[in-house]
């Protein structure tokens, strides 16, 4: 079906009594036909576009340089909180970040019923042929400073009978590298099948080959610090704030129910930057939560401590990002986002993104231990409530003035509007 035929079918099948839905689908088309065609071809069965706000958070001082960071997200208060935290830390030395490693990995999973020593000898014999079989794919990556680092045979039979896998390590330079890694892995699998048949190793079978989104060797670190006395927030003095903040993070380190929401606040900032720069936020989310569980228990991704009268707050997180390939070269707004960031390489983007995650987490914990999370969030959410209740511009202005002095809830806003309308 063409796009028009798909919409015709949906209209007849699901909303024949409400033509507004069809009109909405068409209203969100881009008026530039070439640009719309580009969006239509990102995925399959496209009907329209689903917009999210594209915003910026200014004042991020990272390793001595100021950044204005693009963010794409639908949740109220996230951008404001990030910008506010960035401004707070810009006055205290800013964010200090570094990449701890940038290697990615993937596996070729095997079934093997024979003697382990036989498989080890076979692997050592065919390893050079495996590497040679992907030379045509890796030449371009090698020129960019990347390529295949190593292939190891891993024995997992202690936890799953007959299970071995090839653990393959890659460096992909400024590309996230998913297509490169998966192409190499599938070629390894094909070469392995051929070599096993040639050597008469009938007990060896390939189950699957796929990259991993768990990248504990592709990790970035971000930190802020200042004298404890510099942390006065509202009516709370620096030492009290620092001690309460460290305690709040310690709770997230020991209690899973708190850790999940604590880390979600980190990912609010990180996901927004990843979306804006055309990277895969689902992969980063999955890898981050696995990293938070690497000790055997799910825990906080951030650490906080007081060391010699100095407050230190830090984040360590795996993050395989790219600035070339994929959507980074296709989506026009991704190119705008990267231009705002002054076209960083992959490692620089990792550091910027980690700083935003740390800022977001700082803002959330600061709110929790001072005014509470709802105070700021509901102020930012007021516009959404007013739009849901179809408030006029005049009503919006009156409501903003009123709720600058009063608590905000959906019910209180509704009652305020009803009162205004009854007097009109």
Foldseek 3Di string as FASTA:
>chain_A
DPLVVLLVVCCVPPPVPDCVVVVVLVVQQDPPVVQSVLVPPLDPSDNHDDDFDWDWQWQAQEPNDTAIAIFTDRAFPLSVLLNVLSNLQSVFPGKYKAWQAAKFKKKWKKFFDDDPVVVVVLCVVCVVVLQVQCCVLCVVQVVLVKGWDDWDKADPCVPPNRIIMIITMIHRWQALCQVSRQVSQVSSQVSVVVSCVVVVRVRMDTDDIGTALQGPRGKMKMKTKHFQQSPDDDPDGSVVLQVLLQVLQVCQFPDVVSVVVLQVLLLSQLVRSCVQQQHDSVSQVVNFQVVCCVVVRRGHQKHWDQDPRMTMIMGMGHDRHHCDDDCNVRNPSNVVSCVSRVNDGNRVSNGVSNSSSSSSSVSQSSCCVPVRDQPSSQLRCVVVLCVVVVHDPVLSVVLNVVCVPPDDDSVVSVVSVVVVVVVD
